[in-house]
Amino acid sequence: MNMKITLAIFTSLIATAAFALGPPPVGSAAPDFSLPDAKGGTQSLSQYKGKYVVLEWFNPECPFVKKHYGSGNMQKLQDQYTGKGVVWLTIDSNAPGTEGSITAEQA
């Protein structure tokens, strides 16, 4: 995927920040955040300002993830929407080095 970027992050960090700040008002911009990507760079939500962004939390051990990736369903959705200019960011919800975590080479 040209626009697919796998991000490794603890979901607890995102959840903590989201709960601490509270939800943004409906219709307003999402709060900015930055995360390391699989290639050693950093991705920030603000760099995609003005675009539709899908944030997909990914856990390769999850039975729903296995089902939808195994059937090709997720790849079809990714291709369909990235082809329309949607940015699709896949976030590895496992801590680096833990069971289910993927490396940059696997991404």
N, C-alpha and C. Protein backbone atom coordinates (compact mmCIF):
# COMPACT_ATOMS: atom_id res chain seq x y z
N MET A 1 0.85 -1.18 0.00
CA MET A 1 0.00 0.00 0.00
C MET A 1 0.90 1.24 0.00
N ASN A 2 0.66 2.16 -0.92
CA ASN A 2 1.47 3.36 -0.99
C ASN A 2 1.32 4.23 0.24
N MET A 3 0.09 4.36 0.73
CA MET A 3 -0.15 5.29 1.83
C MET A 3 -0.27 4.59 3.18
N LYS A 4 -0.15 3.28 3.16
CA LYS A 4 -0.30 2.54 4.41
C LYS A 4 0.99 2.66 5.22
N ILE A 5 0.86 3.12 6.41
CA ILE A 5 2.01 3.29 7.29
C ILE A 5 1.70 2.55 8.58
N THR A 6 2.56 1.62 8.91
CA THR A 6 2.32 0.88 10.14
C THR A 6 2.98 1.61 11.29
N LEU A 7 2.22 1.90 12.31
CA LEU A 7 2.72 2.62 13.47
C LEU A 7 2.72 1.68 14.67
N ALA A 8 3.79 1.71 15.43
CA ALA A 8 3.86 0.89 16.63
C ALA A 8 3.61 1.80 17.84
N ILE A 9 2.64 1.47 18.67
CA ILE A 9 2.31 2.32 19.82
C ILE A 9 1.56 1.54 20.86
N PHE A 10 1.68 1.93 22.08
CA PHE A 10 0.86 1.38 23.15
C PHE A 10 -0.50 2.06 23.08
N THR A 11 -1.56 1.30 22.97
CA THR A 11 -2.88 1.91 22.92
C THR A 11 -3.24 2.59 24.24
N SER A 12 -2.62 2.13 25.29
CA SER A 12 -2.91 2.76 26.57
C SER A 12 -2.45 4.22 26.59
N LEU A 13 -1.37 4.54 25.90
CA LEU A 13 -0.91 5.93 25.84
C LEU A 13 -1.92 6.80 25.11
N ILE A 14 -2.45 6.30 24.03
CA ILE A 14 -3.44 7.06 23.27
C ILE A 14 -4.72 7.20 24.08
N ALA A 15 -5.14 6.10 24.69
CA ALA A 15 -6.37 6.14 25.48
C ALA A 15 -6.23 7.10 26.65
N THR A 16 -5.09 7.08 27.31
CA THR A 16 -4.86 7.99 28.44
C THR A 16 -4.95 9.44 27.99
N ALA A 17 -4.29 9.75 26.88
CA ALA A 17 -4.33 11.13 26.38
C ALA A 17 -5.74 11.52 25.97
N ALA A 18 -6.44 10.61 25.31
CA ALA A 18 -7.80 10.92 24.85
C ALA A 18 -8.74 11.16 26.03
N PHE A 19 -8.64 10.32 27.06
CA PHE A 19 -9.52 10.49 28.22
C PHE A 19 -9.15 11.73 29.02
N ALA A 20 -7.87 12.05 29.07
CA ALA A 20 -7.43 13.23 29.82
C ALA A 20 -7.94 14.51 29.18
N LEU A 21 -7.94 14.56 27.87
CA LEU A 21 -8.36 15.76 27.16
C LEU A 21 -9.85 15.83 26.92
N GLY A 22 -10.51 14.70 26.95
CA GLY A 22 -11.93 14.66 26.63
C GLY A 22 -12.11 14.70 25.13
N PRO A 23 -13.29 14.36 24.66
CA PRO A 23 -13.52 14.33 23.22
C PRO A 23 -13.61 15.74 22.64
N PRO A 24 -13.13 15.91 21.42
CA PRO A 24 -13.30 17.22 20.78
C PRO A 24 -14.77 17.40 20.40
N PRO A 25 -15.22 18.64 20.30
CA PRO A 25 -16.61 18.87 19.89
C PRO A 25 -16.87 18.30 18.49
N VAL A 26 -18.06 17.79 18.28
CA VAL A 26 -18.43 17.24 16.98
C VAL A 26 -18.23 18.31 15.91
N GLY A 27 -17.60 17.93 14.81
CA GLY A 27 -17.36 18.85 13.71
C GLY A 27 -16.04 19.58 13.79
N SER A 28 -15.33 19.44 14.91
CA SER A 28 -14.03 20.12 15.03
C SER A 28 -12.91 19.17 14.62
N ALA A 29 -11.73 19.72 14.46
CA ALA A 29 -10.58 18.91 14.07
C ALA A 29 -10.18 17.99 15.23
N ALA A 30 -9.70 16.81 14.89
CA ALA A 30 -9.20 15.89 15.90
C ALA A 30 -7.92 16.46 16.50
N PRO A 31 -7.66 16.16 17.77
CA PRO A 31 -6.41 16.64 18.37
C PRO A 31 -5.20 15.99 17.70
N ASP A 32 -4.14 16.75 17.58
CA ASP A 32 -2.93 16.23 16.94
C ASP A 32 -2.22 15.25 17.86
N PHE A 33 -1.55 14.28 17.26
CA PHE A 33 -0.66 13.38 17.99
C PHE A 33 0.40 12.91 17.02
N SER A 34 1.52 12.47 17.55
CA SER A 34 2.62 11.95 16.75
C SER A 34 3.03 10.60 17.29
N LEU A 35 3.39 9.69 16.36
CA LEU A 35 3.80 8.34 16.73
C LEU A 35 4.96 7.92 15.84
N PRO A 36 5.83 7.05 16.35
CA PRO A 36 6.90 6.53 15.49
C PRO A 36 6.33 5.57 14.47
N ASP A 37 6.90 5.59 13.26
CA ASP A 37 6.44 4.64 12.25
C ASP A 37 7.43 3.48 12.13
N ALA A 38 7.09 2.51 11.32
CA ALA A 38 7.88 1.29 11.19
C ALA A 38 9.22 1.52 10.52
N LYS A 39 9.40 2.66 9.89
CA LYS A 39 10.66 2.95 9.18
C LYS A 39 11.57 3.87 9.98
N GLY A 40 11.23 4.12 11.25
CA GLY A 40 12.07 4.95 12.10
C GLY A 40 11.75 6.43 12.06
N GLY A 41 10.76 6.82 11.29
CA GLY A 41 10.34 8.22 11.22
C GLY A 41 9.22 8.50 12.20
N THR A 42 8.63 9.66 12.07
CA THR A 42 7.51 10.04 12.91
C THR A 42 6.36 10.49 12.03
N GLN A 43 5.18 10.06 12.37
CA GLN A 43 3.97 10.46 11.67
C GLN A 43 3.11 11.29 12.62
N SER A 44 2.62 12.42 12.16
CA SER A 44 1.74 13.27 12.95
C SER A 44 0.41 13.41 12.23
N LEU A 45 -0.65 13.40 12.99
CA LEU A 45 -1.97 13.57 12.38
C LEU A 45 -2.05 14.90 11.64
N SER A 46 -1.41 15.94 12.17
CA SER A 46 -1.48 17.26 11.56
C SER A 46 -0.88 17.32 10.16
N GLN A 47 0.01 16.39 9.82
CA GLN A 47 0.59 16.41 8.47
C GLN A 47 -0.43 16.00 7.41
N TYR A 48 -1.56 15.49 7.84
CA TYR A 48 -2.62 15.09 6.91
C TYR A 48 -3.82 16.03 6.98
N LYS A 49 -3.59 17.23 7.48
CA LYS A 49 -4.67 18.21 7.62
C LYS A 49 -5.40 18.40 6.29
N GLY A 50 -6.73 18.39 6.36
CA GLY A 50 -7.55 18.57 5.17
C GLY A 50 -7.87 17.29 4.44
N LYS A 51 -7.32 16.16 4.91
CA LYS A 51 -7.59 14.87 4.28
C LYS A 51 -8.40 13.99 5.22
N TYR A 52 -9.10 13.05 4.64
CA TYR A 52 -9.77 12.04 5.44
C TYR A 52 -8.72 11.02 5.86
N VAL A 53 -8.72 10.67 7.15
CA VAL A 53 -7.74 9.74 7.70
C VAL A 53 -8.46 8.62 8.42
N VAL A 54 -8.11 7.39 8.08
CA VAL A 54 -8.60 6.21 8.79
C VAL A 54 -7.49 5.77 9.73
N LEU A 55 -7.82 5.64 11.02
CA LEU A 55 -6.88 5.10 12.00
C LEU A 55 -7.34 3.69 12.33
N GLU A 56 -6.56 2.72 11.90
CA GLU A 56 -6.91 1.31 12.11
C GLU A 56 -5.99 0.73 13.17
N TRP A 57 -6.58 0.33 14.30
CA TRP A 57 -5.80 -0.35 15.33
C TRP A 57 -5.71 -1.81 14.95
N PHE A 58 -4.49 -2.32 14.88
CA PHE A 58 -4.21 -3.64 14.33
C PHE A 58 -3.55 -4.52 15.38
N ASN A 59 -4.08 -5.72 15.57
CA ASN A 59 -3.47 -6.72 16.44
C ASN A 59 -3.53 -8.04 15.68
N PRO A 60 -2.39 -8.53 15.19
CA PRO A 60 -2.41 -9.73 14.36
C PRO A 60 -2.92 -10.97 15.07
N GLU A 61 -3.01 -10.95 16.39
CA GLU A 61 -3.53 -12.09 17.14
C GLU A 61 -5.04 -12.02 17.35
N CYS A 62 -5.66 -10.90 17.02
CA CYS A 62 -7.10 -10.73 17.21
C CYS A 62 -7.87 -11.58 16.20
N PRO A 63 -8.87 -12.34 16.66
CA PRO A 63 -9.62 -13.19 15.72
C PRO A 63 -10.35 -12.39 14.64
N PHE A 64 -10.80 -11.18 14.95
CA PHE A 64 -11.48 -10.37 13.94
C PHE A 64 -10.49 -9.87 12.89
N VAL A 65 -9.30 -9.49 13.34
CA VAL A 65 -8.25 -9.06 12.41
C VAL A 65 -7.87 -10.23 11.50
N LYS A 66 -7.66 -11.40 12.09
CA LYS A 66 -7.32 -12.58 11.30
C LYS A 66 -8.39 -12.87 10.25
N LYS A 67 -9.66 -12.77 10.65
CA LYS A 67 -10.76 -13.05 9.74
C LYS A 67 -10.77 -12.07 8.56
N HIS A 68 -10.69 -10.77 8.86
CA HIS A 68 -10.83 -9.77 7.80
C HIS A 68 -9.58 -9.65 6.93
N TYR A 69 -8.40 -9.86 7.50
CA TYR A 69 -7.20 -9.86 6.68
C TYR A 69 -7.07 -11.17 5.91
N GLY A 70 -7.46 -12.30 6.56
CA GLY A 70 -7.40 -13.60 5.89
C GLY A 70 -8.32 -13.70 4.69
N SER A 71 -9.45 -12.99 4.74
CA SER A 71 -10.41 -13.01 3.63
C SER A 71 -10.06 -12.00 2.55
N GLY A 72 -9.11 -11.10 2.85
CA GLY A 72 -8.77 -10.05 1.89
C GLY A 72 -9.67 -8.83 1.99
N ASN A 73 -10.63 -8.87 2.91
CA ASN A 73 -11.59 -7.78 3.07
C ASN A 73 -10.92 -6.45 3.41
N MET A 74 -9.99 -6.47 4.37
CA MET A 74 -9.34 -5.22 4.79
C MET A 74 -8.48 -4.65 3.66
N GLN A 75 -7.76 -5.52 2.97
CA GLN A 75 -6.92 -5.04 1.88
C GLN A 75 -7.77 -4.39 0.78
N LYS A 76 -8.94 -4.96 0.51
CA LYS A 76 -9.84 -4.38 -0.49
C LYS A 76 -10.32 -3.00 -0.05
N LEU A 77 -10.69 -2.87 1.23
CA LEU A 77 -11.12 -1.57 1.74
C LEU A 77 -9.98 -0.56 1.67
N GLN A 78 -8.78 -0.98 2.07
CA GLN A 78 -7.63 -0.09 2.01
C GLN A 78 -7.38 0.38 0.58
N ASP A 79 -7.38 -0.54 -0.36
CA ASP A 79 -7.15 -0.19 -1.77
C ASP A 79 -8.24 0.75 -2.29
N GLN A 80 -9.49 0.43 -1.95
CA GLN A 80 -10.62 1.23 -2.42
C GLN A 80 -10.52 2.67 -1.94
N TYR A 81 -10.26 2.86 -0.65
CA TYR A 81 -10.28 4.21 -0.10
C TYR A 81 -8.98 4.97 -0.29
N THR A 82 -7.83 4.30 -0.25
CA THR A 82 -6.60 5.03 -0.53
C THR A 82 -6.57 5.45 -2.00
N GLY A 83 -7.24 4.69 -2.85
CA GLY A 83 -7.37 5.08 -4.26
C GLY A 83 -8.19 6.34 -4.45
N LYS A 84 -8.97 6.70 -3.44
CA LYS A 84 -9.78 7.93 -3.48
C LYS A 84 -9.12 9.06 -2.69
N GLY A 85 -7.86 8.85 -2.26
CA GLY A 85 -7.14 9.89 -1.55
C GLY A 85 -7.23 9.84 -0.04
N VAL A 86 -7.89 8.82 0.50
CA VAL A 86 -7.98 8.67 1.95
C VAL A 86 -6.63 8.16 2.47
N VAL A 87 -6.18 8.72 3.57
CA VAL A 87 -4.95 8.27 4.22
C VAL A 87 -5.33 7.15 5.19
N TRP A 88 -4.68 6.01 5.08
CA TRP A 88 -4.99 4.86 5.93
C TRP A 88 -3.77 4.57 6.78
N LEU A 89 -3.87 4.81 8.09
CA LEU A 89 -2.77 4.55 9.01
C LEU A 89 -3.12 3.34 9.87
N THR A 90 -2.28 2.33 9.82
CA THR A 90 -2.49 1.13 10.60
C THR A 90 -1.57 1.18 11.81
N ILE A 91 -2.16 1.11 12.99
CA ILE A 91 -1.42 1.23 14.24
C ILE A 91 -1.36 -0.12 14.93
N ASP A 92 -0.15 -0.61 15.16
CA ASP A 92 0.04 -1.87 15.87
C ASP A 92 -0.29 -1.63 17.34
N SER A 93 -1.33 -2.28 17.84
CA SER A 93 -1.78 -2.02 19.20
C SER A 93 -1.02 -2.82 20.25
N ASN A 94 -0.01 -3.56 19.84
CA ASN A 94 0.81 -4.32 20.78
C ASN A 94 2.09 -3.55 21.10
N ALA A 95 2.57 -3.72 22.31
CA ALA A 95 3.83 -3.10 22.70
C ALA A 95 4.96 -3.76 21.93
N PRO A 96 5.95 -2.99 21.47
CA PRO A 96 7.08 -3.59 20.75
C PRO A 96 7.72 -4.71 21.57
N GLY A 97 8.01 -5.82 20.89
CA GLY A 97 8.66 -6.94 21.55
C GLY A 97 7.72 -7.89 22.28
N THR A 98 6.42 -7.59 22.30
CA THR A 98 5.47 -8.47 22.97
C THR A 98 4.79 -9.37 21.96
N GLU A 99 4.11 -10.39 22.46
CA GLU A 99 3.39 -11.31 21.58
C GLU A 99 2.40 -10.54 20.71
N GLY A 100 2.43 -10.80 19.43
CA GLY A 100 1.53 -10.13 18.50
C GLY A 100 2.11 -8.88 17.88
N SER A 101 3.19 -8.35 18.45
CA SER A 101 3.82 -7.16 17.89
C SER A 101 4.53 -7.53 16.59
N ILE A 102 4.49 -6.62 15.62
CA ILE A 102 5.18 -6.87 14.36
C ILE A 102 6.36 -5.91 14.22
N THR A 103 7.37 -6.35 13.52
CA THR A 103 8.56 -5.54 13.30
C THR A 103 8.40 -4.74 12.01
N ALA A 104 9.33 -3.81 11.78
CA ALA A 104 9.30 -3.02 10.55
C ALA A 104 9.41 -3.92 9.32
N GLU A 105 10.19 -4.99 9.43
CA GLU A 105 10.35 -5.90 8.29
C GLU A 105 9.05 -6.64 7.98
N GLN A 106 8.24 -6.91 8.99
CA GLN A 106 6.99 -7.62 8.80
C GLN A 106 5.87 -6.71 8.32
N ALA A 107 6.02 -5.41 8.53
CA ALA A 107 4.94 -4.45 8.21
C ALA A 107 4.70 -4.35 6.73
